[in-house]
Protein backbone atom coordinates (compact mmCIF):
# COMPACT_ATOMS: atom_id res chain seq x y z
CA UNK A 1 118.86 97.93 100.65
CA UNK A 2 115.26 98.79 101.43
CA UNK A 3 116.20 100.51 104.70
CA UNK A 4 119.07 102.71 105.81
CA UNK A 5 121.75 100.88 107.80
CA UNK A 6 120.52 101.65 111.32
CA UNK A 7 119.82 99.65 114.45
CA UNK A 8 116.33 101.10 114.72
CA UNK A 9 113.22 98.96 114.59
CA UNK A 10 111.97 98.77 111.03
CA UNK A 11 108.28 99.25 110.21
CA UNK A 12 107.08 98.36 106.71
CA UNK A 13 103.71 99.86 105.74
CA UNK A 14 101.75 98.52 102.76
CA UNK A 15 99.25 101.18 101.67
CA UNK A 16 96.39 98.79 100.93
CA UNK A 17 93.72 99.72 98.39
CA UNK A 18 94.71 103.12 97.00
CA UNK A 19 91.13 103.96 96.05
CA UNK A 20 90.25 103.85 99.75
CA UNK A 21 91.52 105.75 102.79
CA UNK A 22 94.79 103.83 103.14
CA UNK A 23 97.13 106.48 101.65
CA UNK A 24 95.39 109.25 103.62
CA UNK A 25 95.58 107.58 107.02
CA UNK A 26 99.22 106.59 106.49
CA UNK A 27 100.23 110.17 105.67
CA UNK A 28 98.27 111.45 108.66
CA UNK A 29 99.66 108.80 111.01
CA UNK A 30 103.30 109.32 110.02
CA UNK A 31 102.94 113.02 110.84
CA UNK A 32 101.51 112.29 114.30
CA UNK A 33 103.63 113.14 117.33
CA UNK A 34 102.28 109.95 118.95
CA UNK A 35 104.50 107.82 116.73
CA UNK A 36 107.66 106.71 118.61
CA UNK A 37 110.94 108.06 117.28
CA UNK A 38 112.84 104.81 117.76
CA UNK A 39 111.67 103.28 114.47
CA UNK A 40 112.48 103.62 110.79
CA UNK A 41 109.61 103.51 108.28
CA UNK A 42 109.29 102.24 104.73
CA UNK A 43 106.03 102.71 102.79
CA UNK A 44 105.31 100.15 100.06
CA UNK A 45 103.10 101.56 97.31
CA UNK A 46 102.97 104.07 94.50
CA UNK A 47 104.93 107.24 95.24
CA UNK A 48 102.95 109.02 92.53
CA UNK A 49 99.68 108.11 94.24
CA UNK A 50 100.97 109.17 97.66
CA UNK A 51 102.10 112.53 96.24
CA UNK A 52 98.70 112.94 94.56
CA UNK A 53 96.96 112.17 97.87
CA UNK A 54 99.22 114.62 99.70
CA UNK A 55 98.53 117.46 97.27
CA UNK A 56 94.79 116.78 97.36
CA UNK A 57 94.68 116.79 101.16
CA UNK A 58 96.68 120.01 101.23
CA UNK A 59 94.18 121.56 98.82
CA UNK A 60 91.45 120.70 101.33
CA UNK A 61 93.32 122.67 103.98
CA UNK A 62 94.92 119.78 105.84
CA UNK A 63 98.39 120.57 107.14
CA UNK A 64 99.15 117.77 109.61
CA UNK A 65 100.18 115.22 107.00
CA UNK A 66 103.55 113.75 106.10
CA UNK A 67 105.15 114.85 102.84
CA UNK A 68 105.88 111.76 100.67
CA UNK A 69 109.06 113.44 99.42
CA UNK A 70 110.43 113.14 102.96
CA UNK A 71 109.47 109.48 103.41
CA UNK A 72 111.24 106.27 102.47
CA UNK A 73 109.03 104.69 99.80
CA UNK A 74 109.38 101.42 97.95
CA UNK A 75 107.92 102.84 94.77
CA UNK A 76 105.78 100.34 92.87
CA UNK A 77 103.73 101.76 90.01
CA UNK A 78 100.99 99.23 89.29
CA UNK A 79 97.78 101.05 88.32
CA UNK A 80 99.20 103.13 85.43
CA UNK A 81 96.10 105.29 85.17
CA UNK A 82 93.68 102.35 85.15
CA UNK A 83 91.27 102.97 88.03
CA UNK A 84 89.12 99.86 87.94
CA UNK A 85 88.38 97.88 91.10
CA UNK A 86 90.35 94.92 89.83
CA UNK A 87 93.39 97.11 89.10
CA UNK A 88 93.36 98.59 92.60
CA UNK A 89 92.79 95.11 94.00
CA UNK A 90 95.76 93.72 92.10
CA UNK A 91 97.96 96.62 93.22
CA UNK A 92 97.06 96.23 96.90
CA UNK A 93 97.76 92.50 96.70
CA UNK A 94 101.15 93.15 95.10
CA UNK A 95 102.03 95.80 97.71
CA UNK A 96 101.26 93.30 100.47
CA UNK A 97 103.35 90.50 98.99
CA UNK A 98 106.27 92.86 98.39
CA UNK A 99 106.00 94.24 101.93
CA UNK A 100 106.07 90.68 103.33
CA UNK A 101 109.18 89.96 101.24
CA UNK A 102 110.92 93.03 102.69
CA UNK A 103 109.94 92.34 106.32
CA UNK A 104 111.28 88.79 106.11
CA UNK A 105 114.76 90.16 105.35
CA UNK A 106 115.14 91.80 108.76
CA UNK A 107 115.06 90.35 112.26
CA UNK A 108 113.90 93.61 113.82
CA UNK A 109 111.13 94.47 111.37
CA UNK A 110 107.33 94.53 111.62
CA UNK A 111 104.55 94.90 109.07
CA UNK A 112 101.64 97.35 109.25
CA UNK A 113 99.03 96.86 106.53
CA UNK A 114 96.52 99.34 105.14
CA UNK A 115 92.95 98.14 104.52
CA UNK A 116 92.14 96.16 101.37
CA UNK A 117 88.93 95.26 99.54
CA UNK A 118 88.32 91.51 99.35
CA UNK A 119 85.92 91.93 96.41
CA UNK A 120 88.58 93.82 94.42
CA UNK A 121 91.08 91.06 95.17
CA UNK A 122 88.62 88.53 93.84
CA UNK A 123 88.03 90.57 90.67
CA UNK A 124 91.81 90.65 90.17
CA UNK A 125 92.04 86.88 90.52
CA UNK A 126 93.45 86.77 94.08
CA UNK A 127 91.10 84.44 95.92
CA UNK A 128 91.93 84.97 99.59
CA UNK A 129 89.44 85.83 102.31
CA UNK A 130 91.80 88.44 103.74
CA UNK A 131 95.37 89.56 104.31
CA UNK A 132 95.78 87.12 107.20
CA UNK A 133 95.49 84.17 104.82
CA UNK A 134 98.10 85.64 102.44
CA UNK A 135 100.47 86.20 105.34
CA UNK A 136 100.07 82.62 106.56
CA UNK A 137 100.70 81.19 103.09
CA UNK A 138 103.67 83.48 102.42
CA UNK A 139 105.30 82.49 105.70
CA UNK A 140 104.48 78.78 105.39
CA UNK A 141 102.56 78.86 108.67
CA UNK A 142 99.35 76.90 109.24
CA UNK A 143 98.55 77.95 112.77
CA UNK A 144 97.87 81.70 112.83
CA UNK A 145 95.34 83.71 114.78
CA UNK A 146 93.39 86.89 114.14
CA UNK A 147 93.80 88.87 117.34
CA UNK A 148 92.30 92.27 118.07
CA UNK A 149 94.13 94.29 120.68
CA UNK A 150 93.79 97.76 122.18
CA UNK A 151 95.54 99.65 124.95
CA UNK A 152 93.25 101.71 127.16
CA UNK A 153 94.28 105.39 127.27
CA UNK A 154 92.56 105.55 130.66
CA UNK A 155 94.10 102.62 132.54
CA UNK A 156 96.94 101.39 130.31
CA UNK A 157 95.38 97.90 130.33
CA UNK A 158 95.75 95.90 127.10
CA UNK A 159 92.45 94.46 125.86
CA UNK A 160 92.83 91.31 123.73
CA UNK A 161 90.23 89.30 121.82
CA UNK A 162 91.25 86.32 119.67
CA UNK A 163 88.90 84.78 117.09
CA UNK A 164 88.54 81.00 116.84
CA UNK A 165 87.00 81.36 113.36
CA UNK A 166 87.36 84.39 111.10
CA UNK A 167 85.82 85.35 107.77
CA UNK A 168 83.20 82.66 107.34
CA UNK A 169 79.41 82.68 107.27
CA UNK A 170 77.69 82.37 110.63
CA UNK A 171 75.94 79.17 109.56
CA UNK A 172 79.34 77.53 108.97
CA UNK A 173 80.74 78.31 112.43
CA UNK A 174 79.52 75.22 114.35
CA UNK A 175 80.96 72.80 111.80
CA UNK A 176 84.37 74.53 111.84
CA UNK A 177 84.72 74.48 115.61
CA UNK A 178 86.33 71.46 117.26
CA UNK A 179 88.65 70.51 120.10
CA UNK A 180 91.80 70.65 117.97
CA UNK A 181 91.00 74.16 116.73
CA UNK A 182 90.29 75.47 120.24
CA UNK A 183 93.52 73.95 121.59
CA UNK A 184 95.49 75.46 118.71
CA UNK A 185 94.05 78.94 119.29
CA UNK A 186 94.62 78.73 123.04
CA UNK A 187 98.24 77.74 122.42
CA UNK A 188 98.70 80.83 120.25
CA UNK A 189 96.93 83.02 122.81
CA UNK A 190 99.09 81.75 125.64
CA UNK A 191 102.28 82.42 123.67
CA UNK A 192 101.14 85.95 122.88
CA UNK A 193 99.98 86.84 126.38
CA UNK A 194 103.17 85.59 128.02
CA UNK A 195 104.95 88.45 126.24
CA UNK A 196 103.19 90.67 128.79
CA UNK A 197 102.59 88.51 131.86
CA UNK A 198 104.01 85.21 133.15
CA UNK A 199 100.71 83.65 134.19
CA UNK A 200 97.88 84.97 132.00
CA UNK A 201 94.17 84.74 132.73
CA UNK A 202 92.23 83.70 129.62
CA UNK A 203 88.48 83.58 129.16
CA UNK A 204 86.53 81.63 126.54
CA UNK A 205 83.11 82.63 125.22
CA UNK A 206 80.52 79.96 124.60
CA UNK A 207 79.11 79.22 121.16
CA UNK A 208 75.47 79.54 122.14
CA UNK A 209 73.37 81.99 124.20
CA UNK A 210 74.06 81.45 127.90
CA UNK A 211 76.84 79.04 126.80
CA UNK A 212 74.14 76.52 125.90
CA UNK A 213 72.56 76.41 129.35
CA UNK A 214 73.43 72.72 129.82
CA UNK A 215 72.21 71.76 126.37
CA UNK A 216 68.88 73.60 126.44
CA UNK A 217 70.02 76.42 124.10
CA UNK A 218 72.62 74.52 122.09
CA UNK A 219 74.73 71.41 122.47
CA UNK A 220 78.32 72.37 121.52
CA UNK A 221 79.37 73.33 125.03
CA UNK A 222 77.95 70.17 126.60
CA UNK A 223 79.07 67.83 123.82
CA UNK A 224 82.73 68.86 123.52
CA UNK A 225 83.72 72.44 124.41
CA UNK A 226 83.64 71.96 128.20
CA UNK A 227 85.90 68.91 127.92
CA UNK A 228 88.17 70.67 125.41
CA UNK A 229 88.86 73.48 127.86
CA UNK A 230 89.45 71.11 130.77
CA UNK A 231 91.90 68.97 128.80
CA UNK A 232 93.86 72.01 127.57
CA UNK A 233 94.00 73.56 131.03
CA UNK A 234 95.25 70.27 132.49
CA UNK A 235 98.29 70.60 130.20
CA UNK A 236 98.68 74.32 130.89
CA UNK A 237 98.42 74.68 134.65
CA UNK A 238 100.15 78.06 134.61
CA UNK A 239 97.12 79.56 132.84
CA UNK A 240 93.95 80.57 134.66
CA UNK A 241 91.27 79.51 132.16
CA UNK A 242 87.62 80.53 132.56
CA UNK A 243 84.77 79.29 130.41
CA UNK A 244 82.84 78.61 128.39
CA UNK A 245 81.11 81.79 129.53
CA UNK A 246 77.82 83.28 128.42
CA UNK A 247 78.74 85.49 125.42
CA UNK A 248 76.30 88.25 126.39
CA UNK A 249 78.21 88.95 129.62
CA UNK A 250 81.69 87.65 128.81
CA UNK A 251 83.02 91.11 127.90
CA UNK A 252 81.46 92.99 130.86
CA UNK A 253 84.73 92.76 132.76
CA UNK A 254 86.56 94.11 129.69
CA UNK A 255 84.44 97.26 129.71
CA UNK A 256 85.20 97.78 133.40
CA UNK A 257 88.93 97.12 132.99
CA UNK A 258 89.03 99.62 130.12
CA UNK A 259 87.48 102.34 132.28
CA UNK A 260 88.65 101.71 135.85
CA UNK A 261 92.18 101.24 137.17
CA UNK A 262 91.11 99.07 140.09
CA UNK A 263 88.80 96.79 138.10
CA UNK A 264 89.53 93.07 137.85
CA UNK A 265 91.74 92.41 134.83
CA UNK A 266 92.04 89.48 132.43
CA UNK A 267 94.61 89.00 129.66
CA UNK A 268 92.38 87.89 126.82
CA UNK A 269 89.10 86.44 125.59
CA UNK A 270 88.73 83.75 122.92
CA UNK A 271 85.63 84.40 120.80
CA UNK A 272 84.05 81.65 118.77
CA UNK A 273 83.30 83.72 115.67
CA UNK A 274 83.97 87.06 114.02
CA UNK A 275 81.12 89.29 115.14
CA UNK A 276 80.91 87.75 118.61
CA UNK A 277 84.36 89.10 119.32
CA UNK A 278 84.44 92.26 117.22
CA UNK A 279 81.19 93.85 118.35
CA UNK A 280 82.32 94.24 122.00
CA UNK A 281 85.87 95.01 120.87
CA UNK A 282 84.80 97.93 118.69
CA UNK A 283 82.19 99.21 121.12
CA UNK A 284 84.61 99.26 124.06
CA UNK A 285 87.86 100.25 122.34
CA UNK A 286 86.49 102.12 119.30
CA UNK A 287 89.36 103.61 117.26
CA UNK A 288 92.03 102.22 119.60
CA UNK A 289 91.47 98.68 118.36
CA UNK A 290 94.16 97.06 116.20
CA UNK A 291 94.08 93.86 114.15
CA UNK A 292 97.19 91.71 114.51
CA UNK A 293 98.13 88.30 113.17
CA UNK A 294 99.76 86.06 115.79
CA UNK A 295 101.77 82.96 114.95
CA UNK A 296 103.87 84.60 112.22
CA UNK A 297 107.68 84.90 112.38
CA UNK A 298 107.24 88.69 112.66
CA UNK A 299 104.71 91.14 114.08
CA UNK A 300 101.91 92.26 111.78
CA UNK A 301 99.26 94.83 112.68
CA UNK A 302 96.53 96.69 110.83
CA UNK A 303 93.93 99.34 111.66
CA UNK A 304 90.64 97.81 112.74
CA UNK A 305 88.51 99.21 109.91
CA UNK A 306 87.94 98.86 106.18
CA UNK A 307 88.73 100.83 103.05
CA UNK A 308 86.18 103.60 103.69
CA UNK A 309 85.36 104.04 100.00
CA UNK A 310 82.46 106.33 100.92
CA UNK A 311 84.77 108.91 102.54
CA UNK A 312 87.93 108.42 100.46
CA UNK A 313 89.28 111.70 99.15
CA UNK A 314 87.27 113.84 101.54
CA UNK A 315 90.08 114.34 104.05
CA UNK A 316 87.93 113.21 106.97
CA UNK A 317 89.27 109.68 107.56
CA UNK A 318 90.37 109.22 111.17
CA UNK A 319 93.95 107.99 111.50
CA UNK A 320 93.80 106.96 115.17
CA UNK A 321 93.56 103.24 114.45
CA UNK A 322 96.54 103.45 112.05
CA UNK A 323 98.52 105.35 114.69
CA UNK A 324 97.65 102.63 117.21
CA UNK A 325 98.58 99.92 114.68
CA UNK A 326 102.05 101.47 114.27
CA UNK A 327 102.52 101.98 118.02
CA UNK A 328 101.39 98.42 118.72
CA UNK A 329 103.74 96.99 116.08
CA UNK A 330 106.65 98.81 117.70
CA UNK A 331 105.65 97.77 121.23
CA UNK A 332 105.13 94.12 120.31
CA UNK A 333 108.36 93.88 118.32
CA UNK A 334 110.26 95.39 121.23
CA UNK A 335 108.60 92.99 123.69
CA UNK A 336 109.32 90.03 121.41
CA UNK A 337 113.00 90.94 121.16
CA UNK A 338 113.25 91.32 124.94
CA UNK A 339 111.39 88.01 125.45
CA UNK A 340 113.71 86.16 123.05
CA UNK A 341 116.77 87.69 124.74
CA UNK A 342 116.04 85.89 128.03
């Protein structure tokens, strides 16, 4: 057994790239008193590396870190002293695939992933654009979504942004967007948001500045996106759908809802491409933002930042996003179980 025989929620954490901040933020997060006590944790990675990280952080004077000797660890020794980028990339890929294998064994389990380096994966021969794509392939799921979510510490409002396209070049975005894709993403978004509210309000950002301004600044909205939203909404009357909206003001209401209790709230925004959605997400929610993959048979979350190679080993990596990733995984898994119980 990978877990003790308990009825607690089970959270599997893959450490990500061990040459980055992944091991540090996991040890910091698991020590945090913000982490709910109703879950059992299993870390997938090298115990030797986690112990090395722990001792190094202690030598820097850090005390608020979890001791690996007191954690449940699925010990996988991959690097064996070889500290090349490809070796670390191969290890982080293996940790992820093993973590997925473990999560799939349990109905009440969720996955929290540490950050990986896509270049290191490529050097190791693993040609995926990110962990989301590995998760989709491993679970045999075609329709998944990259959703960024954050819970405001001020108002308690949950801020959600879903990406229509993910890790692709900006010049490739228009050719990837189409009615079928938008309908698919809105279906996913609806299913996710109904975990929290019966009749969600969803907003959709336009592709072009000012949402094309009737074809003057771009033709996608006029040619097909307007009709795509109307046809989807006609089949989903229980959803209040707004858009396509001018991207430069689409997230103004999000900033207000994050700050003010009485501000008008929405349940989510569909962004057309990566930076369109992540720039306002990170500016508004900062370290509270969490990356989650929707459409999988289990909940998966991840901190909304990269490997932090430039600060790895310095003891200064913030663990807030990892804490939020763990808390969100627990909250969503609990909500999903309650939703399925009805």
